Amino acid sequence: MNLGSRRLAAAIGVVLLLAACGANDKESRSATASDDLRPGGTLTVLTDQTTFPFDPARSQGLAITSNGLVHRRLTTWKVAKGRTTTVVPDLAEDTGKASDGGRTWTFTLKDGLRFSDGSPITSADIKWGVERSFAPAFTGGLGYHKTLLEGGPGYQGPFEGKELTSIETPDDRTIVFHLSRAYGDWPWVVSTPAFSPVPKGKGAEADYGEHPVTSGPYQVASYEKGVAVTLTRNTHWNKKIDGLRPGLPDKIVFSLGQDTSVISQRLIDDSGDDQSAFGASFVSPAELAQLRGNSSATDRLVTSESGALAFLALNTQRGVLTDPKVRRAFQYAVDKSAYQVASAGNARLAGDIATTLITPGIGGREEFDLYKTKPTGDPEKAKKLLAEAGHPNGLDNLQLVVGNVNNYPEKAQAIQAALAKANIRVTIRSLDSDAYDAEVTTNPNPTYDLTLEAWQPDFPSANANLQPLFASSEIGGGGYNTARYRNPDVDRLIEEAQSTVDQGAAGRKWAAIDRKILEDSPVVPLIYTRNSFLHGSKVVNFQIGEFPAYPDYRLVGLAR
């Protein structure tokens, strides 16, 4: 069962012409002097989303984006450019104390915490929020905890009077979680949205996300469906107790239902209220074309250093691809530099060549290049390996299935052309999103041989990088093991690494698993994608850290 990880479906916002502009070589006003970081003003977030509920039970949001403005969690993420993202305390005093070999985790809440209605935040409210996420009426949020907590499977939430006994609250500031197995990443799990407090007894209504009781620096002042959501200050939030969120703007307005191309044009024009705005969506190559020669706009473009892992998945349960010797030929047949160009037009801004499965910015990652391939590939080496595997004439009639969004058909053509040079002949089949998901993630007997994917974990842990993509439990049934990779040794090693509480030791185990999986060649890592975002000239402290490839909404302010 997939525990709640995410496949990226957003376009990579980068393009060739920006190389000359130096968009990735300079700091924008994201790194403005500290005397600019004064509170006040109205910040606008322009988004193409038409709904924007702040319901923690239904959210898959990252700790650093919109929900992080209104809801605090037991732990959260410390994000900084050029540094590995770390888990840090938020509502809790620390990142948890493990006992019983990692099966029991205890957290103590900070003193003086209050909701936006002025009532104190207690451990019972944390428990209620977690229990509420199990209710069938509030599905859709991240669910790592649902199978890890004892009694979680089958629990239907608290609204019928039943509690989850594996969560104990011996006093108002202490909460204890009993897990069904040891799990070293539990401090990361409690940074997911379900671990935001909800006042006990509240939140039964379907539209709770439109008027939640909040614990962060902001509260939802108004919610106009399809139009706008307005956040104003939570006067009961204490900056000194928080220590991470500066809470700079007086008001934050999410402007909903905006066309992405219009968003880019408005931010390029940089007039009126748009000077105090930023776009929530990636800037696409077509939109970035508008920046040619516009130094003001390129100064306000911020591009991540890394992002998702883009990869070619080989269906290891189908035909000739059941043979790892055949699969290893693909490591040399693929032209990764051509994939960069197909993705964005520019290799540097598209993202660095990928050689590992664990992405940069995640603790425990070790840099290695198992196959030592050239960026352009080595078709002659691939032919030789195929011949040694009994295929001297190459391979015929392989199906490369892709979704018809985000330039995937064009990316597939780059893969197809490279494989042809190695005598691997591929037919491309493009499907709409629903048909693609049905074929690749749910079909028990799929007909695809190859597919293209991009993956960013829900939290910055190698566990969230590897387990959803390569554990055999994630094959079919909506899981994201699109290579259909099954290796009992890898399954065992994944469970061992998940059970390791010491993060240094766990990191070493995950790095070894990364290498072991690549030895079997179920996928070809292509690039670590990059995302670009545009903001207005009055926006300051607009930062993208090493992970994730999104701006940290919690830090953004306005020049005063």
Protein backbone atom coordinates (compact mmCIF):
# COMPACT_ATOMS: atom_id res chain seq x y z
CA MET A 1 0.00 0.00 0.00
CA ASN A 2 1.28 3.43 -0.89
CA LEU A 3 1.55 5.56 2.23
CA GLY A 4 0.96 8.88 0.59
CA SER A 5 3.87 9.90 -1.64
CA ARG A 6 3.47 12.10 -4.67
CA ARG A 7 4.17 11.81 -8.38
CA LEU A 8 4.90 15.21 -9.86
CA ALA A 9 2.61 16.32 -12.65
CA ALA A 10 3.73 19.90 -13.00
CA ALA A 11 5.80 21.35 -15.80
CA ILE A 12 9.43 22.28 -15.27
CA GLY A 13 9.65 26.04 -15.66
CA VAL A 14 12.94 26.58 -17.45
CA VAL A 15 14.01 27.59 -20.96
CA LEU A 16 17.09 28.09 -23.13
CA LEU A 17 16.94 31.84 -23.58
CA LEU A 18 17.41 32.45 -19.86
CA ALA A 19 20.96 31.17 -19.95
CA ALA A 20 22.06 34.42 -21.52
CA CYS A 21 20.08 36.40 -18.96
CA GLY A 22 21.81 34.72 -16.04
CA ALA A 23 18.54 33.99 -14.26
CA ASN A 24 20.13 31.29 -12.16
CA ASP A 25 23.40 33.12 -11.49
CA LYS A 26 22.23 35.98 -9.31
CA GLU A 27 20.22 36.51 -6.19
CA SER A 28 16.83 38.13 -6.66
CA ARG A 29 15.22 40.26 -3.97
CA SER A 30 14.76 36.93 -2.26
CA ALA A 31 18.06 37.72 -0.55
CA THR A 32 17.28 41.30 0.39
CA ALA A 33 19.07 42.92 3.31
CA SER A 34 17.59 42.15 6.70
CA ASP A 35 16.44 45.75 7.24
CA ASP A 36 13.87 45.15 4.47
CA LEU A 37 12.32 42.33 6.50
CA ARG A 38 9.84 44.45 8.39
CA PRO A 39 6.23 43.43 8.98
CA GLY A 40 3.32 44.92 7.10
CA GLY A 41 1.53 45.08 3.77
CA THR A 42 -0.66 42.75 1.74
CA LEU A 43 0.99 39.85 -0.08
CA THR A 44 -0.90 38.29 -3.01
CA VAL A 45 -0.38 34.71 -4.18
CA LEU A 46 -1.57 34.15 -7.74
CA THR A 47 -2.70 30.58 -8.36
CA ASP A 48 -4.54 28.60 -11.01
CA GLN A 49 -6.23 26.53 -8.33
CA THR A 50 -9.96 27.14 -8.00
CA THR A 51 -10.30 25.70 -4.50
CA PHE A 52 -7.94 26.28 -1.62
CA PRO A 53 -9.30 24.70 1.58
CA PHE A 54 -7.13 24.74 4.69
CA ASP A 55 -8.27 21.41 6.08
CA PRO A 56 -5.26 19.56 7.51
CA ALA A 57 -6.94 16.15 7.21
CA ARG A 58 -7.42 16.63 3.48
CA SER A 59 -4.12 18.30 2.72
CA GLN A 60 -1.09 16.89 0.94
CA GLY A 61 0.65 20.24 1.28
CA LEU A 62 4.31 20.63 2.08
CA ALA A 63 5.29 21.99 5.47
CA ILE A 64 6.64 25.19 3.89
CA THR A 65 3.76 26.24 1.61
CA SER A 66 0.23 27.59 2.15
CA ASN A 67 -0.93 25.35 4.99
CA GLY A 68 2.24 26.18 6.89
CA LEU A 69 0.96 29.75 7.21
CA VAL A 70 -2.17 28.78 9.15
CA HIS A 71 -1.45 25.39 10.72
CA ARG A 72 1.55 24.43 12.80
CA ARG A 73 2.47 20.76 13.28
CA LEU A 74 4.37 18.80 15.88
CA THR A 75 7.53 19.22 13.81
CA THR A 76 8.37 21.15 10.68
CA TRP A 77 11.22 21.69 8.23
CA LYS A 78 14.18 24.04 8.35
CA VAL A 79 14.98 24.95 4.76
CA ALA A 80 17.97 26.94 3.53
CA LYS A 81 19.73 27.38 0.22
CA GLY A 82 22.69 25.04 -0.15
CA ARG A 83 21.88 23.08 3.00
CA THR A 84 20.24 19.74 3.60
CA THR A 85 16.70 20.24 4.86
CA THR A 86 16.28 19.13 8.47
CA VAL A 87 13.35 18.30 10.72
CA VAL A 88 12.95 20.73 13.63
CA PRO A 89 10.45 21.24 16.46
CA ASP A 90 7.29 23.24 15.75
CA LEU A 91 4.52 22.81 18.34
CA ALA A 92 6.69 20.28 20.15
CA GLU A 93 9.73 21.11 22.25
CA ASP A 94 11.89 18.65 20.30
CA THR A 95 11.63 16.20 17.43
CA GLY A 96 10.43 13.35 19.62
CA LYS A 97 11.90 10.79 21.97
CA ALA A 98 11.93 7.18 20.81
CA SER A 99 11.54 4.17 23.06
CA ASP A 100 10.73 0.48 22.63
CA GLY A 101 13.25 0.33 19.79
CA GLY A 102 11.47 3.03 17.78
CA ARG A 103 7.92 1.74 18.18
CA THR A 104 6.93 4.40 20.73
CA TRP A 105 7.43 8.14 20.25
CA THR A 106 6.77 10.80 22.89
CA PHE A 107 6.42 14.55 22.29
CA THR A 108 6.00 17.41 24.75
CA LEU A 109 4.21 20.56 23.56
CA LYS A 110 5.70 23.98 24.09
CA ASP A 111 4.13 26.04 26.84
CA GLY A 112 1.77 28.92 26.01
CA LEU A 113 0.41 27.69 22.65
CA ARG A 114 -2.99 29.07 21.66
CA PHE A 115 -5.47 28.69 18.82
CA SER A 116 -6.74 31.64 16.81
CA ASP A 117 -9.89 31.67 19.01
CA GLY A 118 -7.72 32.17 22.09
CA SER A 119 -8.17 28.69 23.54
CA PRO A 120 -5.08 26.74 24.61
CA ILE A 121 -3.64 24.07 22.31
CA THR A 122 -3.39 20.79 24.16
CA SER A 123 -2.22 17.29 23.37
CA ALA A 124 -5.88 16.25 23.10
CA ASP A 125 -6.26 18.64 20.16
CA ILE A 126 -3.30 17.06 18.39
CA LYS A 127 -4.80 13.63 18.97
CA TRP A 128 -8.21 14.77 17.73
CA GLY A 129 -6.68 16.20 14.57
CA VAL A 130 -4.90 12.93 13.82
CA GLU A 131 -8.01 10.85 14.59
CA ARG A 132 -10.12 13.12 12.41
CA SER A 133 -7.87 12.33 9.42
CA PHE A 134 -9.09 8.70 9.57
CA ALA A 135 -12.74 9.66 9.03
CA PRO A 136 -13.99 8.61 5.56
CA ALA A 137 -15.48 12.08 5.07
CA PHE A 138 -12.02 13.65 5.26
CA THR A 139 -9.94 11.56 2.88
CA GLY A 140 -7.33 12.84 0.45
CA GLY A 141 -4.58 13.90 2.83
CA LEU A 142 -1.21 12.27 3.35
CA GLY A 143 -1.65 8.95 5.12
CA TYR A 144 1.72 7.65 6.28
CA HIS A 145 0.45 7.45 9.86
CA LYS A 146 -2.68 5.46 9.03
CA THR A 147 -0.90 2.14 8.65
CA LEU A 148 1.88 2.84 11.15
CA LEU A 149 -0.22 3.59 14.22
CA GLU A 150 -1.42 0.51 16.10
CA GLY A 151 -5.10 0.04 15.35
CA GLY A 152 -4.93 2.44 12.42
CA PRO A 153 -6.10 0.06 9.71
CA GLY A 154 -9.86 -0.14 10.02
CA TYR A 155 -10.20 2.90 12.31
CA GLN A 156 -12.96 5.22 11.04
CA GLY A 157 -12.32 8.41 12.98
CA PRO A 158 -13.63 9.94 16.22
CA PHE A 159 -17.05 11.18 15.21
CA GLU A 160 -18.83 8.00 16.33
CA GLY A 161 -17.28 8.28 19.75
CA LYS A 162 -14.37 5.90 19.21
CA GLU A 163 -10.81 6.95 19.93
CA LEU A 164 -7.51 5.59 18.63
CA THR A 165 -5.98 4.05 21.74
CA SER A 166 -2.48 3.96 20.25
CA ILE A 167 -2.34 7.73 20.82
CA GLU A 168 -2.10 8.60 24.50
CA THR A 169 -2.34 12.03 26.13
CA PRO A 170 -1.31 11.58 29.79
CA ASP A 171 -1.46 15.35 30.33
CA ASP A 172 -2.20 18.52 28.36
CA ARG A 173 1.34 18.83 27.01
CA THR A 174 2.35 15.21 26.41
CA ILE A 175 1.36 12.99 23.50
CA VAL A 176 2.57 9.42 22.98
CA PHE A 177 2.29 7.43 19.75
CA HIS A 178 2.45 3.63 19.71
CA LEU A 179 3.40 2.24 16.31
CA SER A 180 2.85 -1.22 14.89
CA ARG A 181 6.56 -1.41 14.05
CA ALA A 182 9.72 0.57 14.60
CA TYR A 183 9.89 3.60 12.33
CA GLY A 184 12.86 5.96 12.38
CA ASP A 185 11.20 8.60 10.20
CA TRP A 186 8.35 9.24 12.61
CA PRO A 187 9.68 12.78 13.33
CA TRP A 188 9.18 13.48 9.61
CA VAL A 189 5.73 11.87 9.59
CA VAL A 190 4.51 14.20 12.33
CA SER A 191 5.48 17.15 10.12
CA THR A 192 2.68 16.17 7.70
CA PRO A 193 -0.63 18.09 7.77
CA ALA A 194 -2.67 15.60 9.83
CA PHE A 195 -0.53 16.46 12.87
CA SER A 196 -1.91 19.98 13.01
CA PRO A 197 -4.18 20.53 16.01
CA VAL A 198 -7.95 20.74 15.64
CA PRO A 199 -9.90 21.74 18.76
CA LYS A 200 -11.31 18.55 20.23
CA GLY A 201 -14.88 18.03 19.16
CA LYS A 202 -14.71 20.43 16.21
CA GLY A 203 -14.21 19.93 12.47
CA ALA A 204 -17.14 17.63 11.69
CA GLU A 205 -18.48 19.91 8.95
CA ALA A 206 -17.42 19.29 5.34
CA ASP A 207 -16.33 22.90 4.83
CA TYR A 208 -14.10 23.11 7.91
CA GLY A 209 -11.18 24.00 5.65
CA GLU A 210 -12.90 27.26 4.75
CA HIS A 211 -13.02 28.46 8.37
CA PRO A 212 -10.53 26.43 10.38
CA VAL A 213 -9.36 27.25 13.87
CA THR A 214 -5.68 27.92 13.25
CA SER A 215 -2.41 27.66 15.14
CA GLY A 216 -0.02 29.53 12.81
CA PRO A 217 0.55 33.25 12.31
CA TYR A 218 -2.56 33.63 10.13
CA GLN A 219 -6.26 32.81 10.20
CA VAL A 220 -8.78 32.51 7.36
CA ALA A 221 -10.69 35.79 7.34
CA SER A 222 -12.74 35.10 4.21
CA TYR A 223 -13.18 32.32 1.68
CA GLU A 224 -14.82 33.05 -1.68
CA LYS A 225 -14.98 29.86 -3.74
CA GLY A 226 -13.20 30.23 -7.04
CA VAL A 227 -12.31 33.86 -6.28
CA ALA A 228 -10.06 34.44 -3.30
CA VAL A 229 -9.00 33.35 0.16
CA THR A 230 -7.87 36.07 2.55
CA LEU A 231 -5.65 35.43 5.54
CA THR A 232 -5.25 37.94 8.34
CA ARG A 233 -3.11 37.88 11.46
CA ASN A 234 -3.84 35.40 14.21
CA THR A 235 -3.48 37.71 17.19
CA HIS A 236 -3.00 34.76 19.54
CA TRP A 237 0.05 33.46 17.68
CA ASN A 238 3.28 34.11 19.56
CA LYS A 239 6.33 34.71 17.36
CA LYS A 240 8.72 34.00 20.22
CA ILE A 241 7.19 30.56 20.79
CA ASP A 242 7.25 29.82 17.06
CA GLY A 243 10.80 30.90 16.25
CA LEU A 244 10.60 29.83 12.60
CA ARG A 245 7.82 31.83 10.95
CA PRO A 246 8.42 35.59 10.94
CA GLY A 247 4.79 36.34 10.01
CA LEU A 248 5.76 39.38 7.94
CA PRO A 249 2.71 40.44 5.85
CA ASP A 250 -0.35 41.83 7.63
CA LYS A 251 -2.57 40.13 5.09
CA ILE A 252 -2.14 37.37 2.51
CA VAL A 253 -4.60 37.00 -0.37
CA PHE A 254 -4.73 33.88 -2.52
CA SER A 255 -6.18 34.96 -5.86
CA LEU A 256 -7.81 31.82 -7.28
CA GLY A 257 -8.55 30.55 -10.77
CA GLN A 258 -5.89 32.59 -12.56
CA ASP A 259 -4.61 31.46 -15.96
CA THR A 260 -0.92 30.60 -15.60
CA SER A 261 0.09 32.56 -18.69
CA VAL A 262 -1.79 35.60 -17.38
CA ILE A 263 -0.07 35.22 -14.01
CA SER A 264 3.33 35.34 -15.70
CA GLN A 265 2.42 38.36 -17.80
CA ARG A 266 1.13 40.25 -14.78
CA LEU A 267 4.32 39.54 -12.84
CA ILE A 268 6.48 40.49 -15.80
CA ASP A 269 4.60 43.80 -16.13
CA ASP A 270 5.10 44.34 -12.37
CA SER A 271 2.53 47.07 -11.86
CA GLY A 272 0.22 48.06 -9.02
CA ASP A 273 -0.64 45.32 -6.54
CA ASP A 274 1.24 42.76 -8.64
CA GLN A 275 4.48 44.24 -7.35
CA SER A 276 3.49 42.62 -4.05
CA ALA A 277 2.61 39.24 -5.55
CA PHE A 278 4.17 35.96 -6.58
CA GLY A 279 3.00 33.03 -8.69
CA ALA A 280 2.34 29.69 -7.03
CA SER A 281 2.74 27.74 -10.28
CA PHE A 282 5.96 26.81 -12.04
CA VAL A 283 6.81 29.19 -14.85
CA SER A 284 6.65 27.21 -18.10
CA PRO A 285 9.11 27.46 -21.00
CA ALA A 286 6.51 29.20 -23.14
CA GLU A 287 5.83 31.76 -20.44
CA LEU A 288 9.54 32.29 -19.80
CA ALA A 289 9.97 33.18 -23.46
CA GLN A 290 8.32 36.47 -22.57
CA LEU A 291 11.32 37.35 -20.41
CA ARG A 292 13.74 37.78 -23.32
CA GLY A 293 15.62 41.01 -22.84
CA ASN A 294 13.65 41.94 -19.72
CA SER A 295 16.35 42.24 -17.07
CA SER A 296 13.87 43.45 -14.45
CA ALA A 297 11.81 40.29 -14.79
CA THR A 298 14.79 37.92 -14.89
CA ASP A 299 16.09 39.54 -11.71
CA ARG A 300 12.81 38.46 -10.12
CA LEU A 301 12.95 34.88 -11.36
CA VAL A 302 14.02 32.32 -8.74
CA THR A 303 15.02 28.83 -9.87
CA SER A 304 15.52 25.85 -7.59
CA GLU A 305 18.84 24.06 -7.41
CA SER A 306 17.11 20.69 -7.65
CA GLY A 307 13.70 19.11 -7.49
CA ALA A 308 12.07 15.89 -8.54
CA LEU A 309 13.83 12.83 -9.89
CA ALA A 310 12.84 12.37 -13.53
CA PHE A 311 13.34 8.78 -14.66
CA LEU A 312 12.58 6.20 -17.31
CA ALA A 313 10.85 3.20 -15.72
CA LEU A 314 11.37 -0.24 -17.29
CA ASN A 315 8.53 -2.70 -16.70
CA THR A 316 10.57 -5.46 -15.09
CA GLN A 317 7.68 -7.93 -15.30
CA ARG A 318 7.27 -7.75 -19.07
CA GLY A 319 9.01 -9.63 -21.87
CA VAL A 320 12.72 -9.08 -22.41
CA LEU A 321 12.80 -6.51 -19.62
CA THR A 322 12.61 -9.28 -17.03
CA ASP A 323 16.33 -9.76 -17.74
CA PRO A 324 18.52 -7.33 -15.75
CA LYS A 325 21.25 -7.72 -18.38
CA VAL A 326 18.88 -6.26 -20.97
CA ARG A 327 17.78 -3.51 -18.59
CA ARG A 328 21.38 -2.44 -17.94
CA ALA A 329 21.77 -1.70 -21.65
CA PHE A 330 19.23 1.10 -21.23
CA GLN A 331 21.58 2.91 -18.84
CA TYR A 332 23.90 3.45 -21.82
CA ALA A 333 21.28 3.79 -24.56
CA VAL A 334 19.55 6.84 -23.07
CA ASP A 335 20.77 10.33 -23.99
CA LYS A 336 20.17 12.31 -20.82
CA SER A 337 21.37 15.57 -22.33
CA ALA A 338 18.72 15.25 -25.07
CA TYR A 339 16.14 14.72 -22.35
CA GLN A 340 17.29 17.94 -20.69
CA VAL A 341 16.79 19.86 -23.91
CA ALA A 342 13.39 18.25 -24.53
CA SER A 343 12.34 19.14 -21.01
CA ALA A 344 13.32 22.78 -21.06
CA GLY A 345 15.48 23.75 -23.99
CA ASN A 346 18.47 24.27 -21.73
CA ALA A 347 20.51 21.62 -19.95
CA ARG A 348 21.63 23.73 -16.99
CA LEU A 349 18.23 25.14 -16.12
CA ALA A 350 16.35 21.92 -16.86
CA GLY A 351 18.21 20.22 -14.04
CA ASP A 352 21.43 18.33 -13.44
CA ILE A 353 22.04 14.87 -14.86
CA ALA A 354 20.81 12.26 -12.36
CA THR A 355 22.90 9.25 -11.37
CA THR A 356 21.27 8.33 -8.04
CA LEU A 357 17.70 7.67 -6.98
CA ILE A 358 17.91 9.73 -3.78
CA THR A 359 17.62 13.38 -4.74
CA PRO A 360 19.93 16.21 -3.62
CA GLY A 361 19.08 18.00 -0.41
CA ILE A 362 18.03 14.84 1.42
CA GLY A 363 19.98 13.50 4.39
CA GLY A 364 21.92 10.29 3.79
CA ARG A 365 22.31 10.81 0.06
CA GLU A 366 25.64 9.63 -1.34
CA GLU A 367 26.85 10.83 -4.72
CA PHE A 368 27.83 8.01 -7.07
CA ASP A 369 27.62 7.07 -10.74
CA LEU A 370 27.29 3.30 -10.96
CA TYR A 371 27.31 3.07 -14.76
CA LYS A 372 29.63 6.02 -15.47
CA THR A 373 27.76 6.92 -18.64
CA LYS A 374 28.31 10.01 -20.74
CA PRO A 375 25.43 12.54 -20.68
CA THR A 376 24.84 11.76 -24.35
CA GLY A 377 24.82 8.00 -23.71
CA ASP A 378 26.89 5.27 -25.31
CA PRO A 379 24.81 3.41 -27.92
CA GLU A 380 27.68 1.13 -28.93
CA LYS A 381 28.07 -0.02 -25.32
CA ALA A 382 24.31 -0.61 -25.17
CA LYS A 383 24.42 -2.71 -28.37
CA LYS A 384 27.24 -4.79 -26.93
CA LEU A 385 25.32 -5.49 -23.72
CA LEU A 386 22.21 -6.44 -25.68
CA ALA A 387 24.24 -8.82 -27.83
CA GLU A 388 25.73 -10.42 -24.72
CA ALA A 389 22.18 -10.85 -23.40
CA GLY A 390 21.17 -12.70 -26.57
CA HIS A 391 19.78 -9.83 -28.62
CA PRO A 392 22.40 -9.04 -31.32
CA ASN A 393 19.80 -7.32 -33.49
CA GLY A 394 18.46 -5.14 -30.70
CA LEU A 395 14.90 -4.99 -29.42
CA ASP A 396 11.66 -4.47 -31.32
CA ASN A 397 8.13 -3.31 -30.57
CA LEU A 398 8.58 -1.84 -27.10
CA GLN A 399 5.80 0.48 -25.97
CA LEU A 400 6.69 3.74 -24.25
CA VAL A 401 3.54 4.99 -22.54
CA VAL A 402 3.36 8.60 -21.33
CA GLY A 403 0.75 11.07 -20.18
CA ASN A 404 -0.18 13.75 -22.67
CA VAL A 405 0.61 16.60 -20.25
CA ASN A 406 3.69 18.65 -19.38
CA ASN A 407 5.51 18.05 -22.62
CA TYR A 408 5.80 14.30 -21.98
CA PRO A 409 5.17 13.30 -25.62
CA GLU A 410 8.09 15.51 -26.69
CA LYS A 411 10.29 14.13 -23.93
CA ALA A 412 9.32 10.64 -25.06
CA GLN A 413 10.48 11.45 -28.59
CA ALA A 414 13.93 12.33 -27.24
CA ILE A 415 14.05 8.96 -25.46
CA GLN A 416 12.80 7.18 -28.58
CA ALA A 417 15.46 8.76 -30.79
CA ALA A 418 18.27 7.87 -28.39
CA LEU A 419 17.11 4.27 -28.00
CA ALA A 420 16.91 3.88 -31.78
CA LYS A 421 20.66 4.55 -32.01
CA ALA A 422 21.17 1.49 -29.81
CA ASN A 423 18.82 -0.61 -31.98
CA ILE A 424 16.03 -0.43 -29.43
CA ARG A 425 12.89 0.33 -31.41
CA VAL A 426 10.08 1.96 -29.44
CA THR A 427 6.51 3.06 -30.18
CA ILE A 428 5.13 5.98 -28.17
CA ARG A 429 1.59 5.82 -26.80
CA SER A 430 0.22 9.03 -25.23
CA LEU A 431 -2.74 8.79 -22.86
CA ASP A 432 -4.85 11.32 -20.98
CA SER A 433 -4.27 11.52 -17.23
CA ASP A 434 -7.00 9.11 -16.14
CA ALA A 435 -6.15 6.51 -18.78
CA TYR A 436 -2.46 6.83 -17.98
CA ASP A 437 -2.99 6.27 -14.25
CA ALA A 438 -5.28 3.32 -14.97
CA GLU A 439 -2.67 1.68 -17.21
CA VAL A 440 0.46 2.41 -15.21
CA THR A 441 -0.58 2.33 -11.55
CA THR A 442 -3.74 0.19 -11.31
CA ASN A 443 -3.86 -2.24 -14.25
CA PRO A 444 -2.87 -5.71 -12.92
CA ASN A 445 -1.66 -6.73 -16.40
CA PRO A 446 -0.37 -3.57 -18.09
CA THR A 447 0.86 -3.56 -21.67
CA TYR A 448 3.50 -0.86 -21.38
CA ASP A 449 7.22 -1.63 -21.47
CA LEU A 450 8.54 1.82 -20.60
CA THR A 451 7.16 4.98 -19.04
CA LEU A 452 8.45 8.41 -17.99
CA GLU A 453 7.89 9.71 -14.47
CA ALA A 454 8.99 12.44 -12.10
CA TRP A 455 8.96 12.01 -8.33
CA GLN A 456 9.39 14.35 -5.38
CA PRO A 457 8.99 12.83 -1.91
CA ASP A 458 6.43 14.17 0.54
CA PHE A 459 9.13 14.84 3.09
CA PRO A 460 12.91 15.05 2.73
CA SER A 461 13.85 11.52 3.68
CA ALA A 462 15.45 8.82 1.55
CA ASN A 463 12.63 6.59 2.78
CA ALA A 464 10.07 8.75 0.94
CA ASN A 465 12.37 8.71 -2.11
CA LEU A 466 12.78 4.96 -2.40
CA GLN A 467 10.02 3.00 -0.67
CA PRO A 468 7.08 4.24 -2.79
CA LEU A 469 8.95 3.63 -6.05
CA PHE A 470 10.67 0.31 -5.37
CA ALA A 471 8.94 -1.64 -2.59
CA SER A 472 6.99 -4.55 -4.02
CA SER A 473 3.97 -3.50 -1.93
CA GLU A 474 3.64 -0.50 -4.25
CA ILE A 475 3.08 -2.54 -7.44
CA GLY A 476 -0.39 -1.88 -8.84
CA GLY A 477 -3.37 -0.96 -6.74
CA GLY A 478 -2.61 2.71 -7.30
CA GLY A 479 0.98 2.38 -6.10
CA TYR A 480 3.85 4.17 -7.80
CA ASN A 481 6.24 1.28 -8.38
CA THR A 482 5.82 1.79 -12.12
CA ALA A 483 8.85 -0.38 -12.88
CA ARG A 484 6.90 -3.25 -11.27
CA TYR A 485 10.16 -4.02 -9.49
CA ARG A 486 10.12 -6.90 -7.04
CA ASN A 487 13.21 -7.87 -5.06
CA PRO A 488 12.70 -9.59 -1.68
CA ASP A 489 16.16 -8.51 -0.53
CA VAL A 490 15.35 -4.87 -1.29
CA ASP A 491 12.00 -5.16 0.52
CA ARG A 492 13.81 -6.52 3.57
CA LEU A 493 16.48 -3.81 3.45
CA ILE A 494 13.83 -1.09 3.11
CA GLU A 495 12.05 -2.33 6.21
CA GLU A 496 15.34 -2.50 8.12
CA ALA A 497 16.22 1.07 7.14
CA GLN A 498 12.73 2.30 8.06
CA SER A 499 13.13 0.71 11.49
CA THR A 500 16.46 2.42 12.19
CA VAL A 501 16.04 5.32 14.60
CA ASP A 502 19.60 6.66 14.37
CA GLN A 503 19.43 8.91 11.31
CA GLY A 504 23.13 8.58 10.47
CA ALA A 505 22.90 4.80 10.44
CA ALA A 506 19.63 4.94 8.51
CA GLY A 507 21.20 7.23 5.92
CA ARG A 508 23.98 4.77 5.27
CA LYS A 509 21.45 1.98 4.82
CA TRP A 510 19.39 4.03 2.36
CA ALA A 511 22.50 4.88 0.33
CA ALA A 512 23.31 1.17 0.07
CA ILE A 513 19.74 0.44 -1.03
CA ASP A 514 20.00 3.17 -3.69
CA ARG A 515 23.05 1.45 -5.15
CA LYS A 516 21.55 -2.06 -4.88
CA ILE A 517 18.40 -1.05 -6.75
CA LEU A 518 20.38 0.58 -9.54
CA GLU A 519 22.42 -2.60 -9.93
CA ASP A 520 19.15 -4.25 -11.01
CA SER A 521 18.42 -1.33 -13.36
CA PRO A 522 14.62 -1.10 -12.97
CA VAL A 523 14.80 2.58 -13.92
CA VAL A 524 17.17 4.96 -15.67
CA PRO A 525 17.59 8.16 -13.60
CA LEU A 526 17.48 11.09 -16.04
CA ILE A 527 17.67 14.50 -14.34
CA TYR A 528 16.98 16.21 -11.05
CA THR A 529 14.41 18.69 -12.29
CA ARG A 530 14.38 22.39 -11.47
CA ASN A 531 11.41 24.70 -10.93
CA SER A 532 11.24 28.43 -11.63
CA PHE A 533 8.98 30.98 -9.94
CA LEU A 534 8.41 34.67 -10.60
CA HIS A 535 7.61 37.37 -8.07
CA GLY A 536 6.90 41.10 -7.97
CA SER A 537 9.49 43.77 -7.25
CA LYS A 538 8.30 44.45 -3.69
CA VAL A 539 8.45 40.80 -2.61
CA VAL A 540 11.43 39.98 -0.37
CA ASN A 541 12.82 36.90 1.35
CA PHE A 542 11.57 34.72 -1.52
CA GLN A 543 13.78 31.67 -1.02
CA ILE A 544 14.02 28.17 -2.41
CA GLY A 545 16.14 25.80 -0.38
CA GLU A 546 17.90 22.59 -1.30
CA PHE A 547 14.62 20.70 -0.77
CA PRO A 548 11.81 21.01 -1.73
CA ALA A 549 11.89 22.86 -5.06
CA TYR A 550 9.30 25.38 -3.89
CA PRO A 551 9.55 28.77 -2.20
CA ASP A 552 9.17 28.84 1.56
CA TYR A 553 5.88 30.75 1.90
CA ARG A 554 6.44 31.10 5.63
CA LEU A 555 9.37 33.48 5.14
CA VAL A 556 8.09 35.77 2.39
CA GLY A 557 7.61 39.46 3.14
CA LEU A 558 7.29 42.83 1.41
CA ALA A 559 9.79 45.67 1.09
CA ARG A 560 8.76 48.43 3.48
